[in-house]
Amino acid sequence: MIPDIIISDVMMPEKDGFEVCETLKEDVRTSHIPIILLTAKSDVESRIVGLKQGADDYLGKPFERDALLLAVERVLRTRRLEQENRRL
C-alpha cells in the first residue's frame, strides 16, 4: 500500500527522518510521495538538510496543529495540480 503523504519526525532511534526521506526519494516506487518532516531541530542548517533530502516541508516543534494541516493541504494540492497538468 502506497500512502498519499508521509509525516515523519527527524529524530528517530534507528533511521533518522533525513535518511528515511533520502531512501524514499531515491526509490522510483516511492519518490512521488510527499514528505513533511517534523522536528525539534529547527535550525536553518537542519532545515536545509531536510529540504535537500527531498522533504516537501519542514516544520519545527512545537508546531501548531493548523500549520501542519495547512502544510498537508498545500502539499497535496500541489501534487494534484501536477497530476492534472501531466494529463493535459
N, C-alpha and C. Protein backbone atom coordinates (compact mmCIF):
# COMPACT_ATOMS: atom_id res chain seq x y z
N MET A 1 0.85 -1.18 0.00
CA MET A 1 0.00 0.00 0.00
C MET A 1 0.89 1.24 0.00
N ILE A 2 0.65 2.14 -0.91
CA ILE A 2 1.44 3.37 -1.03
C ILE A 2 0.64 4.52 -0.41
N PRO A 3 1.22 5.23 0.55
CA PRO A 3 0.50 6.35 1.19
C PRO A 3 0.44 7.58 0.28
N ASP A 4 -0.52 8.45 0.54
CA ASP A 4 -0.65 9.71 -0.18
C ASP A 4 0.36 10.73 0.31
N ILE A 5 0.76 10.62 1.57
CA ILE A 5 1.70 11.56 2.18
C ILE A 5 2.36 10.88 3.38
N ILE A 6 3.58 11.30 3.68
CA ILE A 6 4.29 10.78 4.86
C ILE A 6 4.65 11.96 5.74
N ILE A 7 4.32 11.84 7.02
CA ILE A 7 4.72 12.83 8.01
C ILE A 7 5.64 12.10 8.98
N SER A 8 6.87 12.57 9.08
CA SER A 8 7.86 11.86 9.88
C SER A 8 8.62 12.81 10.79
N ASP A 9 8.98 12.31 11.95
CA ASP A 9 9.88 13.04 12.83
C ASP A 9 11.28 12.89 12.26
N VAL A 10 12.16 13.83 12.54
CA VAL A 10 13.55 13.71 12.12
C VAL A 10 14.32 12.83 13.08
N MET A 11 14.11 13.02 14.37
CA MET A 11 14.89 12.31 15.37
C MET A 11 14.19 11.01 15.76
N MET A 12 14.70 9.90 15.19
CA MET A 12 14.17 8.56 15.47
C MET A 12 15.34 7.64 15.80
N PRO A 13 15.09 6.54 16.49
CA PRO A 13 16.19 5.72 17.00
C PRO A 13 17.03 4.98 15.95
N GLU A 14 16.43 4.33 14.98
CA GLU A 14 17.21 3.50 14.06
C GLU A 14 17.63 4.23 12.79
N LYS A 15 16.72 4.98 12.23
CA LYS A 15 16.98 5.70 10.99
C LYS A 15 16.35 7.07 11.15
N ASP A 16 17.13 8.13 11.01
CA ASP A 16 16.53 9.45 11.21
C ASP A 16 15.69 9.86 10.00
N GLY A 17 14.90 10.88 10.18
CA GLY A 17 14.00 11.34 9.14
C GLY A 17 14.71 11.77 7.87
N PHE A 18 15.93 12.27 7.99
CA PHE A 18 16.70 12.65 6.80
C PHE A 18 17.00 11.40 5.97
N GLU A 19 17.40 10.32 6.64
CA GLU A 19 17.70 9.06 5.94
C GLU A 19 16.44 8.45 5.33
N VAL A 20 15.34 8.50 6.07
CA VAL A 20 14.07 7.99 5.55
C VAL A 20 13.69 8.76 4.29
N CYS A 21 13.79 10.06 4.35
CA CYS A 21 13.45 10.92 3.22
C CYS A 21 14.33 10.58 2.01
N GLU A 22 15.63 10.50 2.23
CA GLU A 22 16.56 10.20 1.15
C GLU A 22 16.25 8.83 0.52
N THR A 23 16.02 7.83 1.36
CA THR A 23 15.73 6.48 0.88
C THR A 23 14.47 6.47 0.02
N LEU A 24 13.42 7.12 0.50
CA LEU A 24 12.15 7.14 -0.23
C LEU A 24 12.25 7.92 -1.54
N LYS A 25 12.97 9.01 -1.53
CA LYS A 25 13.08 9.84 -2.74
C LYS A 25 13.98 9.22 -3.79
N GLU A 26 14.88 8.31 -3.40
CA GLU A 26 15.77 7.64 -4.36
C GLU A 26 15.11 6.43 -5.02
N ASP A 27 14.01 5.95 -4.46
CA ASP A 27 13.32 4.77 -4.98
C ASP A 27 12.19 5.21 -5.91
N VAL A 28 12.22 4.75 -7.14
CA VAL A 28 11.22 5.16 -8.13
C VAL A 28 9.79 4.81 -7.69
N ARG A 29 9.64 3.77 -6.88
CA ARG A 29 8.31 3.37 -6.42
C ARG A 29 7.72 4.33 -5.38
N THR A 30 8.59 5.08 -4.69
CA THR A 30 8.13 5.95 -3.60
C THR A 30 8.55 7.41 -3.77
N SER A 31 9.28 7.71 -4.82
CA SER A 31 9.84 9.06 -4.97
C SER A 31 8.77 10.14 -5.13
N HIS A 32 7.58 9.76 -5.54
CA HIS A 32 6.49 10.73 -5.76
C HIS A 32 5.73 11.09 -4.48
N ILE A 33 5.96 10.35 -3.40
CA ILE A 33 5.19 10.57 -2.17
C ILE A 33 5.70 11.83 -1.46
N PRO A 34 4.83 12.78 -1.20
CA PRO A 34 5.26 13.97 -0.47
C PRO A 34 5.59 13.64 0.98
N ILE A 35 6.63 14.30 1.49
CA ILE A 35 7.10 14.05 2.85
C ILE A 35 7.17 15.38 3.61
N ILE A 36 6.59 15.38 4.80
CA ILE A 36 6.70 16.52 5.70
C ILE A 36 7.49 16.04 6.91
N LEU A 37 8.57 16.75 7.21
CA LEU A 37 9.38 16.41 8.37
C LEU A 37 9.03 17.32 9.54
N LEU A 38 8.89 16.71 10.71
CA LEU A 38 8.64 17.43 11.96
C LEU A 38 9.85 17.24 12.85
N THR A 39 10.28 18.29 13.53
CA THR A 39 11.47 18.13 14.34
C THR A 39 11.68 19.25 15.34
N ALA A 40 12.39 18.90 16.39
CA ALA A 40 12.86 19.92 17.33
C ALA A 40 14.12 20.58 16.80
N LYS A 41 14.72 19.96 15.78
CA LYS A 41 15.92 20.53 15.13
C LYS A 41 15.46 21.57 14.10
N SER A 42 15.12 22.74 14.58
CA SER A 42 14.54 23.73 13.67
C SER A 42 15.54 24.79 13.23
N ASP A 43 16.84 24.53 13.45
CA ASP A 43 17.84 25.49 12.98
C ASP A 43 17.89 25.47 11.44
N VAL A 44 18.41 26.53 10.88
CA VAL A 44 18.44 26.69 9.42
C VAL A 44 19.21 25.56 8.75
N GLU A 45 20.32 25.16 9.31
CA GLU A 45 21.13 24.11 8.70
C GLU A 45 20.36 22.79 8.60
N SER A 46 19.66 22.42 9.66
CA SER A 46 18.87 21.19 9.65
C SER A 46 17.73 21.29 8.64
N ARG A 47 17.09 22.43 8.58
CA ARG A 47 16.01 22.64 7.61
C ARG A 47 16.53 22.46 6.19
N ILE A 48 17.70 23.01 5.91
CA ILE A 48 18.29 22.90 4.58
C ILE A 48 18.60 21.43 4.26
N VAL A 49 19.14 20.71 5.23
CA VAL A 49 19.43 19.28 5.03
C VAL A 49 18.14 18.53 4.68
N GLY A 50 17.09 18.77 5.44
CA GLY A 50 15.82 18.09 5.19
C GLY A 50 15.25 18.39 3.81
N LEU A 51 15.31 19.65 3.41
CA LEU A 51 14.79 20.03 2.11
C LEU A 51 15.66 19.48 0.99
N LYS A 52 16.97 19.44 1.19
CA LYS A 52 17.86 18.85 0.19
C LYS A 52 17.63 17.35 0.03
N GLN A 53 17.21 16.69 1.10
CA GLN A 53 16.94 15.25 1.04
C GLN A 53 15.60 14.98 0.35
N GLY A 54 14.85 16.03 0.05
CA GLY A 54 13.61 15.86 -0.70
C GLY A 54 12.34 16.12 0.07
N ALA A 55 12.45 16.57 1.31
CA ALA A 55 11.23 16.88 2.07
C ALA A 55 10.45 17.99 1.37
N ASP A 56 9.15 17.86 1.37
CA ASP A 56 8.30 18.89 0.76
C ASP A 56 8.03 20.04 1.71
N ASP A 57 8.15 19.77 3.00
CA ASP A 57 8.02 20.81 4.01
C ASP A 57 8.75 20.35 5.26
N TYR A 58 9.06 21.31 6.13
CA TYR A 58 9.87 21.03 7.32
C TYR A 58 9.35 21.93 8.42
N LEU A 59 8.69 21.33 9.41
CA LEU A 59 8.09 22.10 10.49
C LEU A 59 8.82 21.85 11.80
N GLY A 60 9.18 22.93 12.48
CA GLY A 60 9.84 22.81 13.78
C GLY A 60 8.82 22.57 14.88
N LYS A 61 9.28 21.88 15.92
CA LYS A 61 8.44 21.64 17.10
C LYS A 61 8.73 22.71 18.13
N PRO A 62 7.80 23.10 18.92
CA PRO A 62 6.40 22.68 18.81
C PRO A 62 5.76 23.37 17.61
N PHE A 63 4.87 22.68 16.96
CA PHE A 63 4.19 23.24 15.81
C PHE A 63 2.71 23.38 16.12
N GLU A 64 2.09 24.28 15.45
CA GLU A 64 0.65 24.48 15.60
C GLU A 64 -0.09 23.47 14.73
N ARG A 65 -1.13 22.90 15.24
CA ARG A 65 -1.95 21.94 14.51
C ARG A 65 -2.38 22.51 13.17
N ASP A 66 -2.83 23.76 13.17
CA ASP A 66 -3.29 24.40 11.93
C ASP A 66 -2.16 24.54 10.92
N ALA A 67 -0.94 24.76 11.40
CA ALA A 67 0.21 24.88 10.49
C ALA A 67 0.47 23.53 9.81
N LEU A 68 0.37 22.45 10.57
CA LEU A 68 0.57 21.12 9.99
C LEU A 68 -0.54 20.81 8.98
N LEU A 69 -1.78 21.08 9.35
CA LEU A 69 -2.89 20.82 8.43
C LEU A 69 -2.76 21.65 7.15
N LEU A 70 -2.33 22.89 7.28
CA LEU A 70 -2.12 23.73 6.11
C LEU A 70 -1.00 23.19 5.23
N ALA A 71 0.08 22.72 5.85
CA ALA A 71 1.20 22.14 5.09
C ALA A 71 0.73 20.90 4.32
N VAL A 72 -0.03 20.04 4.98
CA VAL A 72 -0.56 18.84 4.32
C VAL A 72 -1.47 19.24 3.15
N GLU A 73 -2.38 20.15 3.39
CA GLU A 73 -3.29 20.60 2.35
C GLU A 73 -2.53 21.19 1.16
N ARG A 74 -1.55 22.02 1.44
CA ARG A 74 -0.77 22.68 0.39
C ARG A 74 0.01 21.66 -0.45
N VAL A 75 0.66 20.71 0.22
CA VAL A 75 1.45 19.70 -0.49
C VAL A 75 0.54 18.81 -1.35
N LEU A 76 -0.57 18.37 -0.80
CA LEU A 76 -1.48 17.52 -1.56
C LEU A 76 -2.11 18.27 -2.74
N ARG A 77 -2.43 19.54 -2.53
CA ARG A 77 -2.99 20.36 -3.62
C ARG A 77 -1.98 20.49 -4.75
N THR A 78 -0.73 20.74 -4.41
CA THR A 78 0.32 20.87 -5.42
C THR A 78 0.47 19.57 -6.21
N ARG A 79 0.45 18.44 -5.52
CA ARG A 79 0.57 17.14 -6.19
C ARG A 79 -0.62 16.89 -7.13
N ARG A 80 -1.82 17.24 -6.69
CA ARG A 80 -3.00 17.07 -7.55
C ARG A 80 -2.87 17.91 -8.81
N LEU A 81 -2.42 19.15 -8.65
CA LEU A 81 -2.26 20.03 -9.82
C LEU A 81 -1.20 19.48 -10.77
N GLU A 82 -0.13 18.94 -10.24
CA GLU A 82 0.90 18.34 -11.09
C GLU A 82 0.34 17.17 -11.88
N GLN A 83 -0.46 16.33 -11.22
CA GLN A 83 -1.07 15.19 -11.91
C GLN A 83 -2.02 15.64 -13.00
N GLU A 84 -2.83 16.66 -12.71
CA GLU A 84 -3.76 17.18 -13.70
C GLU A 84 -3.02 17.76 -14.90
N ASN A 85 -1.95 18.48 -14.66
CA ASN A 85 -1.18 19.08 -15.74
C ASN A 85 -0.51 18.02 -16.62
N ARG A 86 -0.11 16.90 -16.04
CA ARG A 86 0.50 15.81 -16.82
C ARG A 86 -0.52 15.16 -17.74
N ARG A 87 -1.78 15.20 -17.33
CA ARG A 87 -2.84 14.58 -18.15
C ARG A 87 -3.19 15.44 -19.36
N LEU A 88 -2.90 16.73 -19.29
CA LEU A 88 -3.30 17.64 -20.39
C LEU A 88 -2.41 17.50 -21.60
